[in-house]
N, C-alpha and C. Protein backbone atom coordinates (compact mmCIF):
# COMPACT_ATOMS: atom_id res chain seq x y z
N MET A 1 0.88 -1.32 0.03
CA MET A 1 -0.27 -0.34 0.15
C MET A 1 1.12 1.08 -0.12
N LYS A 2 0.37 2.07 -0.74
CA LYS A 2 1.02 3.13 -1.08
C LYS A 2 0.75 4.40 0.29
N GLU A 3 1.75 5.27 0.60
CA GLU A 3 1.72 5.99 1.61
C GLU A 3 1.46 7.22 1.15
N ARG A 4 0.85 8.28 1.48
CA ARG A 4 0.92 9.42 1.30
C ARG A 4 0.44 10.41 1.87
N PRO A 5 0.92 11.55 2.10
CA PRO A 5 0.49 12.46 3.15
C PRO A 5 -1.02 13.31 2.72
N THR A 6 -2.17 13.67 3.76
CA THR A 6 -3.29 13.78 3.11
C THR A 6 -3.82 14.28 4.65
N GLN A 7 -4.82 15.34 4.65
CA GLN A 7 -5.95 15.74 5.84
C GLN A 7 -6.85 14.71 5.85
N SER A 8 -7.33 14.78 7.13
CA SER A 8 -8.47 13.98 7.93
C SER A 8 -9.22 13.64 6.75
N ARG A 9 -9.57 12.51 6.53
CA ARG A 9 -10.79 12.61 5.57
C ARG A 9 -12.03 11.42 6.52
N LEU A 10 -11.63 10.91 7.19
CA LEU A 10 -12.33 10.16 8.29
C LEU A 10 -12.62 9.96 9.38
N LEU A 11 -13.70 9.97 9.91
CA LEU A 11 -13.85 10.56 11.32
C LEU A 11 -14.42 9.36 12.02
N ALA A 12 -13.52 8.54 12.90
CA ALA A 12 -14.15 7.58 14.02
C ALA A 12 -15.42 8.21 14.69
N ASP A 13 -16.37 7.42 14.99
CA ASP A 13 -17.31 8.32 16.17
C ASP A 13 -16.89 8.01 17.34
N GLU A 14 -17.20 8.18 18.35
CA GLU A 14 -17.14 8.30 20.07
C GLU A 14 -17.58 6.82 20.66
N ASN A 15 -18.01 6.18 19.68
CA ASN A 15 -18.75 4.51 20.38
C ASN A 15 -17.24 3.60 19.29
N THR A 16 -16.51 4.32 18.63
CA THR A 16 -15.45 3.30 18.12
C THR A 16 -14.11 3.60 18.74
N SER A 17 -13.51 2.42 19.12
CA SER A 17 -12.33 2.75 19.62
C SER A 17 -11.18 3.22 19.52
N HIS A 18 -10.52 4.25 20.30
CA HIS A 18 -9.09 4.84 19.96
C HIS A 18 -7.85 3.73 19.36
N ARG A 19 -8.02 2.90 19.30
CA ARG A 19 -7.33 1.88 19.14
C ARG A 19 -7.85 1.41 17.54
N LEU A 20 -8.90 1.45 17.07
CA LEU A 20 -8.72 1.14 15.48
C LEU A 20 -7.86 2.50 15.06
N VAL A 21 -7.73 3.46 15.59
CA VAL A 21 -7.42 4.71 14.77
C VAL A 21 -5.75 4.36 14.71
N SER A 22 -5.27 3.78 15.95
CA SER A 22 -4.22 3.41 16.02
C SER A 22 -3.53 2.02 15.34
N ALA A 23 -4.42 1.42 15.30
CA ALA A 23 -4.40 0.23 14.20
C ALA A 23 -4.52 0.52 13.01
N CYS A 24 -5.40 1.36 12.61
CA CYS A 24 -4.76 1.87 11.15
C CYS A 24 -3.78 2.62 10.83
N ARG A 25 -2.99 3.41 11.53
CA ARG A 25 -1.96 4.01 11.91
C ARG A 25 -0.92 3.02 11.65
N ARG A 26 -0.86 1.76 12.41
CA ARG A 26 0.37 0.83 11.97
C ARG A 26 0.51 0.91 10.59
N LEU A 27 -0.56 0.24 10.58
CA LEU A 27 -0.61 -0.38 8.87
C LEU A 27 -0.54 1.00 7.91
N LEU A 28 -0.95 1.92 7.80
CA LEU A 28 -0.34 3.24 7.41
C LEU A 28 -0.31 4.51 8.09
N LYS A 29 1.12 4.74 8.10
CA LYS A 29 1.28 5.74 8.94
C LYS A 29 0.50 7.31 8.74
N VAL A 30 0.64 7.37 7.71
CA VAL A 30 -0.41 8.52 7.45
C VAL A 30 -2.16 8.46 7.09
N PHE A 31 -2.43 7.26 7.42
CA PHE A 31 -3.84 7.18 7.04
C PHE A 31 -4.73 8.15 7.54
N PRO A 32 -5.95 8.60 6.47
CA PRO A 32 -6.42 9.77 7.17
C PRO A 32 -7.70 9.78 8.01
N ILE A 33 -7.44 9.17 9.29
CA ILE A 33 -8.47 9.00 10.27
C ILE A 33 -8.40 9.74 11.94
N VAL A 34 -9.15 10.01 12.49
CA VAL A 34 -9.06 11.02 13.53
C VAL A 34 -10.19 10.71 14.10
N HIS A 35 -9.94 10.60 15.49
CA HIS A 35 -11.14 9.93 16.47
C HIS A 35 -11.67 11.48 16.66
N ILE A 36 -13.05 11.39 17.02
CA ILE A 36 -14.05 12.65 17.39
C ILE A 36 -13.30 12.73 18.49
N ALA A 37 -12.60 12.25 19.81
CA ALA A 37 -12.57 12.80 20.44
C ALA A 37 -11.40 13.50 20.35
N SER A 38 -10.55 13.82 19.20
CA SER A 38 -9.30 14.42 18.94
C SER A 38 -9.70 15.24 18.11
N TRP A 39 -10.95 15.83 17.14
CA TRP A 39 -11.47 16.35 16.28
C TRP A 39 -12.26 17.42 16.58
N GLN A 40 -11.27 18.81 16.55
CA GLN A 40 -11.56 20.36 16.97
C GLN A 40 -11.79 20.08 18.25
N ASP A 41 -10.77 19.75 19.18
CA ASP A 41 -10.53 19.31 20.53
C ASP A 41 -11.72 18.93 21.03
N GLY A 42 -12.61 17.60 20.53
CA GLY A 42 -13.59 16.65 21.12
C GLY A 42 -14.90 17.81 21.24
N SER A 43 -14.87 18.62 20.43
CA SER A 43 -16.20 20.17 20.20
C SER A 43 -17.42 19.01 19.97
N TRP A 44 -17.17 18.02 18.84
CA TRP A 44 -18.04 17.21 18.37
C TRP A 44 -18.73 16.08 19.16
N LEU A 45 -18.01 15.67 20.23
CA LEU A 45 -18.15 14.84 21.16
C LEU A 45 -19.88 15.05 21.65
N GLY A 46 -20.79 14.35 21.82
CA GLY A 46 -22.29 14.04 22.16
C GLY A 46 -23.06 14.96 21.10
N LEU A 47 -22.40 15.22 20.03
CA LEU A 47 -24.25 15.79 19.04
C LEU A 47 -24.38 14.48 18.69
N ASP A 48 -25.87 14.75 18.49
CA ASP A 48 -26.84 14.14 18.30
C ASP A 48 -26.44 13.38 16.92
N ASP A 49 -26.84 12.53 16.21
CA ASP A 49 -26.65 11.64 14.96
C ASP A 49 -26.61 12.33 13.91
N ALA A 50 -27.88 13.23 13.62
CA ALA A 50 -28.18 14.02 12.83
C ALA A 50 -27.18 15.11 12.90
N ALA A 51 -27.12 15.43 13.71
CA ALA A 51 -26.06 16.91 13.53
C ALA A 51 -24.62 16.95 13.04
N LEU A 52 -24.63 15.19 13.95
CA LEU A 52 -23.06 15.20 13.77
C LEU A 52 -22.42 14.44 12.29
N LEU A 53 -24.22 13.87 11.62
CA LEU A 53 -24.21 13.54 9.87
C LEU A 53 -23.53 14.88 9.02
N ILE A 54 -24.54 15.80 9.34
CA ILE A 54 -24.27 17.04 8.53
C ILE A 54 -23.21 17.96 8.83
N SER A 55 -22.58 17.85 10.05
CA SER A 55 -21.48 18.48 10.32
C SER A 55 -20.30 17.75 9.45
N CYS A 56 -20.21 16.87 9.57
CA CYS A 56 -19.07 15.77 8.50
C CYS A 56 -19.27 16.00 7.27
N ALA A 57 -20.38 16.75 6.32
CA ALA A 57 -20.73 16.92 5.27
C ALA A 57 -20.10 18.11 5.11
N GLN A 58 -20.21 18.72 5.80
CA GLN A 58 -19.98 20.63 5.96
C GLN A 58 -18.62 20.50 6.27
N ALA A 59 -18.20 19.42 6.84
CA ALA A 59 -16.11 19.53 7.18
C ALA A 59 -15.68 18.28 5.75
N GLY A 60 -16.63 17.78 5.13
CA GLY A 60 -15.78 16.79 3.85
C GLY A 60 -15.39 15.70 4.90
N LEU A 61 -15.69 14.99 5.83
CA LEU A 61 -15.43 13.75 6.58
C LEU A 61 -16.54 12.51 6.27
N VAL A 62 -16.16 11.51 6.61
CA VAL A 62 -16.58 10.29 6.02
C VAL A 62 -16.52 9.85 7.59
N LEU A 63 -18.07 9.09 8.22
CA LEU A 63 -18.05 9.12 9.78
C LEU A 63 -17.59 7.32 9.79
N VAL A 64 -16.62 6.71 10.48
CA VAL A 64 -16.91 5.60 10.71
C VAL A 64 -17.59 5.01 11.48
N ALA A 65 -18.01 4.06 12.17
CA ALA A 65 -19.00 3.53 13.23
C ALA A 65 -19.20 2.04 12.89
N PHE A 66 -19.94 1.63 14.47
CA PHE A 66 -20.31 0.46 14.42
C PHE A 66 -22.19 0.47 14.29
N ASP A 67 -22.64 1.96 14.50
CA ASP A 67 -23.84 1.87 14.70
C ASP A 67 -24.98 1.73 13.73
N ARG A 68 -24.75 0.11 13.42
CA ARG A 68 -25.59 -0.10 12.30
C ARG A 68 -27.25 0.44 12.42
N ALA A 69 -27.81 0.12 13.63
CA ALA A 69 -29.04 0.37 14.24
C ALA A 69 -29.64 1.51 13.84
N THR A 70 -29.01 2.82 14.37
CA THR A 70 -29.77 4.04 14.18
C THR A 70 -28.88 4.93 13.07
N LEU A 71 -27.49 5.07 13.08
CA LEU A 71 -26.63 5.72 12.00
C LEU A 71 -27.62 5.58 10.61
N PRO A 72 -27.81 4.56 9.88
CA PRO A 72 -28.59 4.85 8.45
C PRO A 72 -29.78 5.14 8.57
N TRP A 73 -30.99 5.10 9.66
CA TRP A 73 -32.12 5.49 9.53
C TRP A 73 -31.70 7.12 10.18
N HIS A 74 -30.66 7.59 10.88
CA HIS A 74 -30.52 9.33 10.89
C HIS A 74 -30.06 9.77 9.74
N ALA A 75 -29.40 9.18 8.82
CA ALA A 75 -28.56 9.41 7.43
C ALA A 75 -29.97 9.82 6.33
N GLY A 76 -31.04 8.65 6.57
CA GLY A 76 -32.12 8.82 5.90
C GLY A 76 -32.68 10.23 6.30
N GLN A 77 -33.02 10.32 7.95
CA GLN A 77 -33.95 11.34 8.10
C GLN A 77 -33.18 12.46 7.69
N VAL A 78 -32.01 12.96 7.50
CA VAL A 78 -31.17 13.93 6.97
C VAL A 78 -31.30 14.10 5.57
N LEU A 79 -31.53 13.19 4.83
CA LEU A 79 -31.70 13.45 3.45
C LEU A 79 -33.29 13.73 3.54
N ARG A 80 -33.96 13.06 4.37
CA ARG A 80 -35.74 14.13 3.91
C ARG A 80 -35.88 14.66 4.08
N ALA A 81 -34.71 15.53 5.30
CA ALA A 81 -34.95 17.04 5.62
C ALA A 81 -34.71 18.04 4.76
N GLY A 82 -33.81 17.38 3.64
CA GLY A 82 -32.87 17.89 2.69
C GLY A 82 -31.73 18.64 2.78
N GLU A 83 -30.87 17.84 3.40
CA GLU A 83 -29.38 18.12 3.81
C GLU A 83 -28.80 17.10 3.44
N ASN A 84 -27.20 17.09 3.65
CA ASN A 84 -26.46 15.83 3.28
C ASN A 84 -25.76 15.62 4.34
N HIS A 85 -25.36 14.06 4.66
CA HIS A 85 -24.64 13.88 4.85
C HIS A 85 -23.37 13.45 4.48
N GLY A 86 -21.90 13.36 5.16
CA GLY A 86 -20.66 13.34 4.57
C GLY A 86 -20.46 11.79 4.20
N GLY A 87 -21.38 10.89 4.40
CA GLY A 87 -21.07 9.38 4.13
C GLY A 87 -20.78 8.85 5.35
N LEU A 88 -21.24 7.31 5.01
CA LEU A 88 -21.06 6.04 6.23
C LEU A 88 -20.33 5.36 5.99
N VAL A 89 -18.82 4.69 7.04
CA VAL A 89 -18.39 3.62 6.51
C VAL A 89 -19.04 2.57 8.04
N LEU A 90 -19.50 1.80 7.93
CA LEU A 90 -20.12 0.88 9.11
C LEU A 90 -19.66 -0.59 8.94
N PHE A 91 -19.27 -1.42 9.71
CA PHE A 91 -18.44 -2.62 10.14
C PHE A 91 -19.93 -3.54 10.49
N ARG A 92 -20.13 -4.64 9.47
CA ARG A 92 -21.31 -5.51 9.84
C ARG A 92 -21.03 -6.56 11.21
N ARG A 93 -21.66 -6.76 11.65
CA ARG A 93 -22.15 -7.71 12.51
C ARG A 93 -21.13 -8.83 12.64
N THR A 94 -20.11 -9.14 11.49
CA THR A 94 -19.26 -10.42 11.35
C THR A 94 -18.12 -9.63 11.94
N VAL A 95 -17.63 -8.47 12.20
CA VAL A 95 -16.54 -7.93 12.55
C VAL A 95 -16.75 -7.56 14.13
N ARG A 96 -15.67 -8.23 14.65
CA ARG A 96 -15.94 -8.07 16.42
C ARG A 96 -15.55 -6.74 16.39
N SER A 97 -16.06 -6.09 17.38
CA SER A 97 -15.99 -4.70 17.93
C SER A 97 -14.60 -4.59 18.65
N THR A 98 -13.80 -5.95 19.21
CA THR A 98 -12.68 -5.44 19.77
C THR A 98 -11.94 -6.08 18.58
N ALA A 99 -12.25 -6.37 17.26
CA ALA A 99 -11.08 -6.69 16.42
C ALA A 99 -10.38 -5.89 15.91
N TYR A 100 -9.47 -4.96 16.79
CA TYR A 100 -9.06 -3.56 16.13
C TYR A 100 -8.07 -4.01 14.92
N GLY A 101 -7.58 -5.04 14.87
CA GLY A 101 -6.74 -5.05 13.09
C GLY A 101 -7.60 -5.76 12.80
N ASP A 102 -8.35 -6.37 12.67
CA ASP A 102 -9.56 -6.58 11.62
C ASP A 102 -10.02 -5.49 11.00
N GLN A 103 -10.05 -4.65 12.18
CA GLN A 103 -11.46 -3.26 11.62
C GLN A 103 -10.42 -2.40 10.67
N ALA A 104 -8.78 -2.55 11.28
CA ALA A 104 -7.92 -1.66 10.78
C ALA A 104 -7.55 -2.39 9.42
N ARG A 105 -7.27 -3.50 9.20
CA ARG A 105 -7.16 -4.24 7.39
C ARG A 105 -8.11 -3.90 6.50
N LEU A 106 -9.40 -3.89 7.22
CA LEU A 106 -10.82 -4.17 6.16
C LEU A 106 -10.76 -2.50 5.85
N LEU A 107 -10.63 -1.39 6.74
CA LEU A 107 -10.70 0.35 6.57
C LEU A 107 -9.75 0.62 5.67
N THR A 108 -8.06 0.02 6.03
CA THR A 108 -7.28 0.72 5.10
C THR A 108 -7.10 -0.14 3.66
N ASP A 109 -7.55 -1.19 3.92
CA ASP A 109 -7.58 -1.76 2.31
C ASP A 109 -8.80 -1.20 1.38
N PHE A 110 -9.88 -0.94 2.12
CA PHE A 110 -11.27 -0.74 1.56
C PHE A 110 -10.78 0.84 1.10
N TRP A 111 -10.13 1.83 2.12
CA TRP A 111 -9.59 3.35 1.20
C TRP A 111 -8.88 3.11 0.56
N VAL A 112 -7.52 2.57 0.43
CA VAL A 112 -6.27 2.76 -0.46
C VAL A 112 -7.36 2.70 -2.14
N HIS A 113 -7.62 1.02 -1.59
CA HIS A 113 -8.19 0.75 -3.21
C HIS A 113 -9.53 1.17 -3.99
N GLU A 114 -10.23 1.43 -3.26
CA GLU A 114 -11.50 2.68 -3.49
C GLU A 114 -11.99 3.64 -2.99
N GLY A 115 -11.85 3.47 -2.01
CA GLY A 115 -13.36 4.50 -1.18
C GLY A 115 -12.21 5.90 -1.34
N HIS A 116 -10.96 5.66 -1.15
CA HIS A 116 -10.22 7.54 -1.08
C HIS A 116 -11.15 8.22 -2.46
N ALA A 117 -11.29 7.78 -3.62
CA ALA A 117 -11.61 8.50 -4.73
C ALA A 117 -13.43 8.29 -4.85
N TRP A 118 -14.13 8.11 -4.61
CA TRP A 118 -15.36 8.21 -4.13
C TRP A 118 -15.59 9.34 -4.04
N ASP A 119 -16.89 9.75 -3.72
CA ASP A 119 -17.40 11.09 -3.65
C ASP A 119 -18.77 10.37 -2.54
N TRP A 120 -18.40 10.97 -1.18
CA TRP A 120 -18.76 10.49 0.03
C TRP A 120 -20.03 11.20 -0.15
N VAL A 121 -20.76 12.25 -0.53
CA VAL A 121 -21.82 12.56 -0.17
C VAL A 121 -22.96 11.52 -0.20
N ASN A 122 -23.45 11.85 0.91
CA ASN A 122 -24.74 10.52 1.28
C ASN A 122 -24.71 9.50 0.77
N ARG A 123 -23.28 8.60 0.71
CA ARG A 123 -23.00 7.35 0.67
C ARG A 123 -23.48 6.70 1.69
N ILE A 124 -23.39 5.29 1.93
CA ILE A 124 -23.16 4.63 2.97
C ILE A 124 -22.56 3.25 2.64
N VAL A 125 -21.32 2.33 3.13
CA VAL A 125 -20.97 1.57 2.88
C VAL A 125 -20.60 0.41 3.80
N TYR A 126 -20.76 -0.93 3.84
CA TYR A 126 -20.39 -1.75 5.07
C TYR A 126 -19.27 -2.50 4.94
N LEU A 127 -18.67 -2.93 5.37
CA LEU A 127 -17.37 -3.35 5.27
C LEU A 127 -17.30 -4.98 6.45
N PRO A 128 -17.06 -5.58 6.18
CA PRO A 128 -16.62 -6.03 4.56
C PRO A 128 -17.65 -6.35 3.56
N LYS A 129 -17.48 -5.36 2.53
CA LYS A 129 -18.42 -5.31 1.58
C LYS A 129 -18.47 -6.76 0.98
N SER A 130 -19.81 -6.62 0.22
CA SER A 130 -20.29 -7.84 -0.33
C SER A 130 -19.80 -8.44 -1.36
N PRO A 131 -19.33 -9.63 -1.69
CA PRO A 131 -18.65 -9.38 -3.02
C PRO A 131 -19.75 -9.63 -4.24
């Protein structure tokens, strides 16, 4: 995998471990992910899901999360309200929430080979992707 400097494009939500961010950076030193607690001094912590999704769109960030139950629903609500969201990368149920190495490999491989070039506005992707 080729490393290149870039600004953050991926935002790990508050229910995603800092260990995912660290594991991604062990695989790719300049991987463009930041944890929400570190982003803008943690000022986005505690935002409701809809506000967070809209803020991500405005900042050009794709939200990385495990919340398959409510985030897609909130993304739909944002769209129905005439707003955009910045995109979502969600891990499927088959990916354990404590398997940071597996999460990091899935995310970095996907991002390097496909996701970095996509228009993420209003897009949702589940990892691992379906064949």
